Amino acid sequence: MQKQKTIFLLSLLVAIFWNSTHLINVYKIAAIGALFEFLWLPMLILLFTMPVISFVLWRKVKFNFRSLLFYAHLISIVTVAQMMLSK
C-alpha cells in the first residue's frame, strides 16, 4: 500500500509540475526559475516512466480499479497526452 501511495503522489507531483509551467511564467521570479531549471530533467524522465511503472504495478494487483495505481496511471497518461498535444 505504501508503494501505491508513493507512485500516486509522484504522478500528482509530475502533473502539477508540468501543468504549472503552462499556467505561470516560471522565469518571472528568479528562485522559481532556478528551481524549474533544476527539476525539469528529473520530471521529464518521470513523465515518461511513470505510466510504465504504474501499469506494471497495476497489473500485479490484477487490474484492480480501486487501486491507487489505476488513478496514478490515468493521471500519468493524461499528463503525457497533454504535454504532447500542447504547444
N, C-alpha and C. Protein backbone atom coordinates (compact mmCIF):
# COMPACT_ATOMS: atom_id res chain seq x y z
N MET A 1 0.82 -1.20 0.00
CA MET A 1 0.00 0.00 0.00
C MET A 1 0.86 1.26 0.00
N GLN A 2 1.99 1.22 0.69
CA GLN A 2 2.87 2.38 0.73
C GLN A 2 3.45 2.68 -0.66
N LYS A 3 3.76 1.63 -1.42
CA LYS A 3 4.28 1.81 -2.77
C LYS A 3 3.23 2.45 -3.67
N GLN A 4 1.98 2.07 -3.50
CA GLN A 4 0.90 2.65 -4.29
C GLN A 4 0.74 4.13 -4.00
N LYS A 5 0.82 4.50 -2.73
CA LYS A 5 0.70 5.91 -2.36
C LYS A 5 1.86 6.72 -2.92
N THR A 6 3.05 6.14 -2.89
CA THR A 6 4.23 6.84 -3.41
C THR A 6 4.10 7.07 -4.91
N ILE A 7 3.69 6.05 -5.64
CA ILE A 7 3.52 6.17 -7.09
C ILE A 7 2.42 7.19 -7.41
N PHE A 8 1.34 7.15 -6.66
CA PHE A 8 0.25 8.10 -6.87
C PHE A 8 0.71 9.53 -6.61
N LEU A 9 1.42 9.75 -5.51
CA LEU A 9 1.89 11.10 -5.18
C LEU A 9 2.92 11.60 -6.19
N LEU A 10 3.78 10.71 -6.68
CA LEU A 10 4.74 11.11 -7.71
C LEU A 10 4.02 11.50 -9.01
N SER A 11 2.99 10.76 -9.35
CA SER A 11 2.21 11.10 -10.55
C SER A 11 1.54 12.46 -10.40
N LEU A 12 1.00 12.72 -9.22
CA LEU A 12 0.40 14.03 -8.98
C LEU A 12 1.44 15.14 -9.03
N LEU A 13 2.60 14.90 -8.45
CA LEU A 13 3.67 15.89 -8.45
C LEU A 13 4.12 16.22 -9.87
N VAL A 14 4.29 15.21 -10.69
CA VAL A 14 4.70 15.43 -12.08
C VAL A 14 3.62 16.19 -12.84
N ALA A 15 2.37 15.83 -12.63
CA ALA A 15 1.27 16.51 -13.32
C ALA A 15 1.19 17.98 -12.89
N ILE A 16 1.32 18.23 -11.61
CA ILE A 16 1.28 19.61 -11.12
C ILE A 16 2.46 20.40 -11.66
N PHE A 17 3.64 19.79 -11.68
CA PHE A 17 4.83 20.48 -12.18
C PHE A 17 4.65 20.90 -13.63
N TRP A 18 4.26 19.97 -14.50
CA TRP A 18 4.15 20.31 -15.92
C TRP A 18 2.97 21.22 -16.21
N ASN A 19 1.87 21.05 -15.49
CA ASN A 19 0.72 21.94 -15.72
C ASN A 19 1.00 23.35 -15.21
N SER A 20 1.74 23.47 -14.14
CA SER A 20 2.05 24.80 -13.61
C SER A 20 2.96 25.57 -14.55
N THR A 21 3.81 24.88 -15.31
CA THR A 21 4.68 25.58 -16.23
C THR A 21 3.90 26.20 -17.39
N HIS A 22 2.72 25.67 -17.67
CA HIS A 22 1.88 26.26 -18.72
C HIS A 22 1.04 27.41 -18.19
N LEU A 23 0.81 27.42 -16.88
CA LEU A 23 -0.07 28.43 -16.31
C LEU A 23 0.66 29.67 -15.81
N ILE A 24 1.90 29.50 -15.34
CA ILE A 24 2.62 30.64 -14.78
C ILE A 24 3.94 30.82 -15.52
N ASN A 25 4.44 32.03 -15.48
CA ASN A 25 5.74 32.32 -16.06
C ASN A 25 6.80 31.98 -15.01
N VAL A 26 7.49 30.86 -15.19
CA VAL A 26 8.43 30.41 -14.18
C VAL A 26 9.67 31.28 -14.10
N TYR A 27 9.92 32.07 -15.11
CA TYR A 27 11.13 32.90 -15.11
C TYR A 27 10.86 34.31 -14.58
N LYS A 28 9.64 34.60 -14.20
CA LYS A 28 9.33 35.91 -13.65
C LYS A 28 10.02 36.11 -12.30
N ILE A 29 10.04 35.07 -11.49
CA ILE A 29 10.73 35.11 -10.20
C ILE A 29 11.96 34.22 -10.32
N ALA A 30 13.10 34.75 -10.00
CA ALA A 30 14.38 34.05 -10.23
C ALA A 30 14.47 32.73 -9.47
N ALA A 31 13.97 32.69 -8.25
CA ALA A 31 14.06 31.46 -7.45
C ALA A 31 13.22 30.34 -8.07
N ILE A 32 12.04 30.68 -8.55
CA ILE A 32 11.18 29.68 -9.18
C ILE A 32 11.79 29.21 -10.49
N GLY A 33 12.38 30.14 -11.24
CA GLY A 33 13.06 29.77 -12.49
C GLY A 33 14.23 28.84 -12.24
N ALA A 34 14.99 29.11 -11.18
CA ALA A 34 16.12 28.25 -10.84
C ALA A 34 15.64 26.86 -10.42
N LEU A 35 14.57 26.82 -9.64
CA LEU A 35 14.01 25.53 -9.22
C LEU A 35 13.50 24.75 -10.43
N PHE A 36 12.86 25.44 -11.36
CA PHE A 36 12.39 24.78 -12.58
C PHE A 36 13.56 24.23 -13.38
N GLU A 37 14.59 25.01 -13.55
CA GLU A 37 15.76 24.55 -14.31
C GLU A 37 16.44 23.36 -13.64
N PHE A 38 16.39 23.31 -12.33
CA PHE A 38 16.99 22.21 -11.60
C PHE A 38 16.16 20.93 -11.70
N LEU A 39 14.84 21.07 -11.79
CA LEU A 39 13.95 19.91 -11.74
C LEU A 39 13.42 19.43 -13.09
N TRP A 40 13.66 20.14 -14.18
CA TRP A 40 13.00 19.77 -15.42
C TRP A 40 13.43 18.40 -15.95
N LEU A 41 14.71 18.04 -15.83
CA LEU A 41 15.15 16.74 -16.35
C LEU A 41 14.61 15.57 -15.53
N PRO A 42 14.69 15.61 -14.18
CA PRO A 42 14.06 14.50 -13.43
C PRO A 42 12.56 14.39 -13.68
N MET A 43 11.88 15.53 -13.83
CA MET A 43 10.45 15.50 -14.09
C MET A 43 10.15 14.97 -15.49
N LEU A 44 11.00 15.28 -16.44
CA LEU A 44 10.81 14.76 -17.79
C LEU A 44 10.99 13.24 -17.82
N ILE A 45 11.98 12.75 -17.10
CA ILE A 45 12.18 11.30 -17.00
C ILE A 45 10.98 10.65 -16.32
N LEU A 46 10.51 11.25 -15.23
CA LEU A 46 9.35 10.70 -14.53
C LEU A 46 8.09 10.77 -15.39
N LEU A 47 7.98 11.81 -16.21
CA LEU A 47 6.81 11.98 -17.06
C LEU A 47 6.62 10.77 -17.98
N PHE A 48 7.71 10.24 -18.50
CA PHE A 48 7.60 9.13 -19.44
C PHE A 48 7.78 7.76 -18.80
N THR A 49 8.29 7.68 -17.58
CA THR A 49 8.43 6.38 -16.92
C THR A 49 7.28 6.06 -15.97
N MET A 50 6.59 7.07 -15.45
CA MET A 50 5.50 6.81 -14.51
C MET A 50 4.36 6.00 -15.13
N PRO A 51 3.94 6.25 -16.37
CA PRO A 51 2.88 5.39 -16.91
C PRO A 51 3.29 3.92 -17.01
N VAL A 52 4.53 3.67 -17.34
CA VAL A 52 5.01 2.29 -17.44
C VAL A 52 5.07 1.64 -16.07
N ILE A 53 5.64 2.35 -15.12
CA ILE A 53 5.76 1.81 -13.76
C ILE A 53 4.39 1.57 -13.16
N SER A 54 3.49 2.54 -13.30
CA SER A 54 2.16 2.36 -12.70
C SER A 54 1.39 1.24 -13.38
N PHE A 55 1.57 1.07 -14.70
CA PHE A 55 0.87 -0.02 -15.38
C PHE A 55 1.40 -1.38 -14.93
N VAL A 56 2.70 -1.52 -14.81
CA VAL A 56 3.29 -2.80 -14.39
C VAL A 56 2.83 -3.14 -12.98
N LEU A 57 2.84 -2.17 -12.09
CA LEU A 57 2.40 -2.45 -10.72
C LEU A 57 0.89 -2.67 -10.65
N TRP A 58 0.14 -1.98 -11.50
CA TRP A 58 -1.31 -2.18 -11.54
C TRP A 58 -1.64 -3.58 -12.04
N ARG A 59 -0.84 -4.07 -12.99
CA ARG A 59 -1.03 -5.43 -13.49
C ARG A 59 -0.77 -6.45 -12.38
N LYS A 60 0.18 -6.15 -11.50
CA LYS A 60 0.49 -7.08 -10.41
C LYS A 60 -0.65 -7.18 -9.40
N VAL A 61 -1.47 -6.13 -9.29
CA VAL A 61 -2.62 -6.20 -8.40
C VAL A 61 -3.88 -6.61 -9.17
N LYS A 62 -3.66 -7.22 -10.32
CA LYS A 62 -4.72 -7.83 -11.15
C LYS A 62 -5.74 -6.80 -11.63
N PHE A 63 -5.25 -5.65 -12.06
CA PHE A 63 -6.07 -4.60 -12.66
C PHE A 63 -7.26 -4.20 -11.77
N ASN A 64 -6.98 -4.02 -10.51
CA ASN A 64 -8.00 -3.60 -9.55
C ASN A 64 -8.28 -2.11 -9.74
N PHE A 65 -9.53 -1.77 -10.07
CA PHE A 65 -9.90 -0.39 -10.32
C PHE A 65 -9.97 0.44 -9.04
N ARG A 66 -9.98 -0.19 -7.89
CA ARG A 66 -9.98 0.53 -6.63
C ARG A 66 -8.57 0.85 -6.15
N SER A 67 -7.60 0.38 -6.87
CA SER A 67 -6.21 0.62 -6.52
C SER A 67 -5.79 2.04 -6.86
N LEU A 68 -4.89 2.60 -6.06
CA LEU A 68 -4.35 3.92 -6.37
C LEU A 68 -3.49 3.88 -7.64
N LEU A 69 -3.01 2.71 -7.99
CA LEU A 69 -2.18 2.59 -9.18
C LEU A 69 -2.99 2.87 -10.46
N PHE A 70 -4.26 2.52 -10.45
CA PHE A 70 -5.12 2.82 -11.59
C PHE A 70 -5.22 4.33 -11.79
N TYR A 71 -5.44 5.05 -10.70
CA TYR A 71 -5.56 6.50 -10.78
C TYR A 71 -4.21 7.16 -11.11
N ALA A 72 -3.14 6.60 -10.60
CA ALA A 72 -1.81 7.11 -10.95
C ALA A 72 -1.55 6.92 -12.44
N HIS A 73 -1.96 5.79 -12.97
CA HIS A 73 -1.79 5.52 -14.40
C HIS A 73 -2.63 6.50 -15.24
N LEU A 74 -3.86 6.75 -14.83
CA LEU A 74 -4.70 7.70 -15.55
C LEU A 74 -4.10 9.11 -15.53
N ILE A 75 -3.64 9.53 -14.37
CA ILE A 75 -3.03 10.86 -14.26
C ILE A 75 -1.80 10.95 -15.15
N SER A 76 -0.99 9.90 -15.16
CA SER A 76 0.22 9.91 -15.96
C SER A 76 -0.09 9.95 -17.45
N ILE A 77 -1.04 9.17 -17.89
CA ILE A 77 -1.40 9.14 -19.31
C ILE A 77 -1.98 10.48 -19.75
N VAL A 78 -2.84 11.06 -18.93
CA VAL A 78 -3.42 12.36 -19.27
C VAL A 78 -2.33 13.43 -19.33
N THR A 79 -1.38 13.39 -18.41
CA THR A 79 -0.30 14.38 -18.40
C THR A 79 0.58 14.23 -19.64
N VAL A 80 0.92 13.01 -20.00
CA VAL A 80 1.73 12.79 -21.20
C VAL A 80 0.98 13.26 -22.45
N ALA A 81 -0.30 12.92 -22.54
CA ALA A 81 -1.09 13.35 -23.70
C ALA A 81 -1.20 14.87 -23.76
N GLN A 82 -1.39 15.48 -22.61
CA GLN A 82 -1.49 16.93 -22.56
C GLN A 82 -0.17 17.58 -22.98
N MET A 83 0.93 17.03 -22.58
CA MET A 83 2.23 17.59 -22.95
C MET A 83 2.49 17.43 -24.44
N MET A 84 2.08 16.32 -25.00
CA MET A 84 2.32 16.09 -26.43
C MET A 84 1.37 16.90 -27.32
N LEU A 85 0.18 17.20 -26.82
CA LEU A 85 -0.80 17.91 -27.64
C LEU A 85 -0.76 19.42 -27.44
N SER A 86 -0.05 19.89 -26.42
CA SER A 86 0.01 21.33 -26.19
C SER A 86 1.08 21.97 -27.05
N LYS A 87 1.07 23.27 -27.12
CA LYS A 87 2.04 23.98 -27.95
C LYS A 87 3.45 23.77 -27.48
